[in-house]
Amino acid sequence: QFRQEEGEAGRAAGVLSPGHNSVYYDGETGRYFLIFHQRFTDRGEAHEVRVHEMFINENGWPVVSPFRFDGGAVRAFTPEQLTGTWKLINHQRNNNPTPYLSRTVTFAPDGTLSGGWEGTWELGGDGKTARVTLNGTRFDGVFLRSWDADNGMWVQAFTALSANGTALWGAGAALG
C-alpha cells in the first residue's frame, strides 16, 4: 500500500491477494502483461480483474508495474525527472495478511537515497533501467510513467527485483 503523503489529494487503498494469473505477450507491440485478480483494503471481499504491464530487467527476470496498465508511452527519463519524493514498497518474501506500507524516501540528484531507507539510485544510460540499492541489497528493474488512480495523476514509478527474488516498487509522490 502506497501511503498518502502530505499534499496528495487522493486516497491510499492497499491491495491484497493478487492471484489466479496469466501472462500475455503482445507480438505486435513486444509488450508483456500480467492479468490477475486482487482485492482491496477498502472494499472487503470484492475483487477486480487487473492488467499490469511486465518488463524484463537487465538480468532477464520479469518485473511487474506497480500500477495497472494505462497505455503509457513515456519510457525514457533524465535523472532530473526522477529526483524528489518517492514512496517505496519492499514486498519481502513471505505471505502477509495485510499490505506492506510504503516508506517515504528522497531520490537526491547525487544518486543517494535517504529517509525511510538509506541507499543509492541510478538511471541507466538507456533512460529507463533502474538500479536501486537499499541497505546493501541491489534491485534491478525499469523506470516508467504510470497513472496513479488513487491520486488521479501521472507519476514516475519503477519496478525492480533483487538477486534473491524480492520485489521492490516505487512511486513518485503525486504532489502535482
Protein backbone atom coordinates (compact mmCIF):
# COMPACT_ATOMS: atom_id res chain seq x y z
CA GLN A 1 0.00 0.00 0.00
CA PHE A 2 1.41 3.34 -1.04
CA ARG A 3 0.87 5.68 1.92
CA GLN A 4 -0.83 9.01 1.37
CA GLU A 5 1.77 11.76 1.51
CA GLU A 6 1.06 15.25 2.79
CA GLY A 7 -0.12 17.28 -0.18
CA GLU A 8 -1.55 14.33 -2.15
CA ALA A 9 -5.21 14.83 -2.97
CA GLY A 10 -6.41 11.23 -3.32
CA ARG A 11 -6.73 8.20 -1.10
CA ALA A 12 -4.47 5.35 -0.06
CA ALA A 13 -6.05 1.97 -0.78
CA GLY A 14 -3.96 -1.14 -0.35
CA VAL A 15 -4.14 -4.28 -2.45
CA LEU A 16 -4.50 -7.83 -1.19
CA SER A 17 -4.46 -11.36 -2.58
CA PRO A 18 -3.33 -10.91 -6.17
CA GLY A 19 -3.72 -14.29 -7.79
CA HIS A 20 -5.03 -16.64 -10.46
CA ASN A 21 -2.81 -15.02 -13.04
CA SER A 22 -1.91 -15.40 -16.68
CA VAL A 23 0.86 -13.79 -18.73
CA TYR A 24 0.14 -12.43 -22.18
CA TYR A 25 2.72 -11.38 -24.78
CA ASP A 26 1.57 -8.96 -27.49
CA GLY A 27 3.72 -9.82 -30.51
CA GLU A 28 2.76 -6.62 -32.34
CA THR A 29 3.98 -4.26 -29.61
CA GLY A 30 6.54 -6.50 -27.91
CA ARG A 31 4.87 -5.85 -24.53
CA TYR A 32 4.16 -8.38 -21.78
CA PHE A 33 1.13 -8.20 -19.49
CA LEU A 34 0.15 -9.91 -16.25
CA ILE A 35 -3.61 -10.49 -15.89
CA PHE A 36 -4.89 -11.39 -12.42
CA HIS A 37 -7.49 -10.60 -9.81
CA GLN A 38 -7.00 -8.82 -6.49
CA ARG A 39 -8.87 -7.48 -3.51
CA PHE A 40 -8.52 -4.03 -1.94
CA THR A 41 -8.23 -2.98 1.70
CA ASP A 42 -11.22 -0.63 1.41
CA ARG A 43 -13.68 -2.97 -0.36
CA GLY A 44 -14.00 -6.11 1.76
CA GLU A 45 -14.07 -9.34 -0.25
CA ALA A 46 -14.89 -7.63 -3.57
CA HIS A 47 -12.21 -8.12 -6.21
CA GLU A 48 -11.37 -6.85 -9.69
CA VAL A 49 -9.53 -8.22 -12.66
CA ARG A 50 -6.32 -6.24 -13.19
CA VAL A 51 -3.87 -5.91 -16.05
CA HIS A 52 -0.33 -4.74 -15.24
CA GLU A 53 2.47 -4.39 -17.74
CA MET A 54 5.51 -6.61 -17.25
CA PHE A 55 9.08 -5.83 -18.19
CA ILE A 56 12.24 -7.93 -18.35
CA ASN A 57 15.03 -6.47 -16.22
CA GLU A 58 18.69 -6.43 -17.27
CA ASN A 59 19.21 -9.80 -15.54
CA GLY A 60 16.46 -11.46 -17.62
CA TRP A 61 13.81 -11.59 -14.87
CA PRO A 62 10.23 -10.34 -15.19
CA VAL A 63 9.18 -7.35 -13.10
CA VAL A 64 5.60 -6.04 -12.87
CA SER A 65 4.42 -2.43 -12.87
CA PRO A 66 3.06 -1.24 -9.52
CA PHE A 67 0.04 0.32 -11.26
CA ARG A 68 -2.50 -1.14 -13.68
CA PHE A 69 -1.81 -0.80 -17.40
CA ASP A 70 -2.64 2.65 -18.65
CA GLY A 71 -1.24 2.67 -22.18
CA GLY A 72 1.59 4.92 -21.02
CA ALA A 73 4.12 5.58 -23.72
CA VAL A 74 6.74 7.50 -21.71
CA ARG A 75 9.67 5.11 -21.43
CA ALA A 76 12.78 7.26 -21.04
CA PHE A 77 13.78 9.80 -18.43
CA THR A 78 16.59 12.08 -17.35
CA PRO A 79 17.95 11.86 -13.79
CA GLU A 80 16.46 15.30 -13.06
CA GLN A 81 12.96 13.96 -13.76
CA LEU A 82 13.41 11.26 -11.11
CA THR A 83 14.75 13.29 -8.20
CA GLY A 84 12.38 14.14 -5.35
CA THR A 85 9.97 12.37 -3.02
CA TRP A 86 9.24 8.70 -3.62
CA LYS A 87 7.21 6.02 -1.87
CA LEU A 88 8.85 2.55 -1.85
CA ILE A 89 7.31 -0.83 -1.04
CA ASN A 90 9.59 -3.79 -0.29
CA HIS A 91 7.38 -6.84 -0.90
CA GLN A 92 9.65 -9.11 1.12
CA ARG A 93 9.42 -12.89 0.64
CA ASN A 94 6.54 -14.12 2.71
CA ASN A 95 2.75 -14.33 2.64
CA ASN A 96 1.22 -11.45 4.50
CA PRO A 97 -2.44 -10.94 5.52
CA THR A 98 -2.13 -7.14 5.44
CA PRO A 99 -0.41 -4.95 2.85
CA TYR A 100 3.12 -3.75 3.37
CA LEU A 101 3.14 0.02 3.76
CA SER A 102 5.42 2.20 1.69
CA ARG A 103 8.26 4.20 3.17
CA THR A 104 8.96 7.73 2.04
CA VAL A 105 12.41 8.41 0.63
CA THR A 106 14.14 11.17 -1.30
CA PHE A 107 16.00 10.49 -4.53
CA ALA A 108 18.74 13.14 -4.42
CA PRO A 109 20.47 14.50 -7.56
CA ASP A 110 23.78 12.91 -6.47
CA GLY A 111 22.29 9.38 -6.65
CA THR A 112 21.78 8.93 -2.91
CA LEU A 113 18.53 7.80 -1.36
CA SER A 114 17.54 8.84 2.15
CA GLY A 115 14.58 8.89 4.51
CA GLY A 116 12.69 5.67 5.28
CA TRP A 117 15.64 3.72 3.86
CA GLU A 118 19.23 4.63 3.05
CA GLY A 119 20.91 3.71 -0.20
CA THR A 120 21.50 4.75 -3.78
CA TRP A 121 19.59 5.01 -7.02
CA GLU A 122 20.77 5.06 -10.61
CA LEU A 123 19.19 5.57 -14.03
CA GLY A 124 20.82 3.51 -16.77
CA GLY A 125 22.17 5.08 -19.94
CA ASP A 126 19.05 3.97 -21.84
CA GLY A 127 16.94 6.33 -19.72
CA LYS A 128 14.79 3.54 -18.28
CA THR A 129 16.94 0.96 -16.47
CA ALA A 130 16.52 1.26 -12.68
CA ARG A 131 19.16 0.26 -10.15
CA VAL A 132 18.20 0.88 -6.53
CA THR A 133 20.26 -0.25 -3.54
CA LEU A 134 18.66 -0.37 -0.07
CA ASN A 135 20.75 -1.29 2.94
CA GLY A 136 23.26 -3.13 0.72
CA THR A 137 20.69 -5.04 -1.41
CA ARG A 138 20.56 -4.14 -5.10
CA PHE A 139 17.28 -4.18 -7.03
CA ASP A 140 17.29 -4.13 -10.85
CA GLY A 141 14.33 -3.06 -12.95
CA VAL A 142 12.82 -0.27 -15.01
CA PHE A 143 11.50 3.25 -14.52
CA LEU A 144 8.19 4.10 -16.16
CA ARG A 145 5.43 6.67 -16.08
CA SER A 146 2.14 5.40 -14.62
CA TRP A 147 -1.35 6.58 -13.89
CA ASP A 148 -1.90 6.73 -10.10
CA ALA A 149 -5.68 6.20 -9.97
CA ASP A 150 -5.83 6.81 -6.20
CA ASN A 151 -4.47 10.34 -6.71
CA GLY A 152 -5.77 10.96 -10.24
CA MET A 153 -2.48 11.90 -11.88
CA TRP A 154 0.57 10.64 -13.76
CA VAL A 155 3.59 9.77 -11.61
CA GLN A 156 7.06 8.37 -12.18
CA ALA A 157 7.28 4.78 -10.99
CA PHE A 158 9.63 1.81 -11.00
CA THR A 159 9.55 -1.92 -10.55
CA ALA A 160 12.65 -3.92 -9.62
CA LEU A 161 13.82 -7.28 -8.29
CA SER A 162 16.75 -8.31 -6.08
CA ALA A 163 19.02 -11.27 -6.78
CA ASN A 164 17.08 -13.33 -4.20
CA GLY A 165 13.71 -12.58 -5.84
CA THR A 166 12.41 -9.80 -3.60
CA ALA A 167 10.26 -7.25 -5.46
CA LEU A 168 10.58 -3.51 -4.85
CA TRP A 169 8.06 -0.98 -6.16
CA GLY A 170 8.39 2.77 -6.23
CA ALA A 171 6.01 5.61 -6.99
CA GLY A 172 6.78 9.29 -7.10
CA ALA A 173 4.62 11.28 -4.69
CA ALA A 174 1.58 12.68 -6.52
CA LEU A 175 2.18 16.29 -5.49
CA GLY A 176 1.08 17.96 -8.73
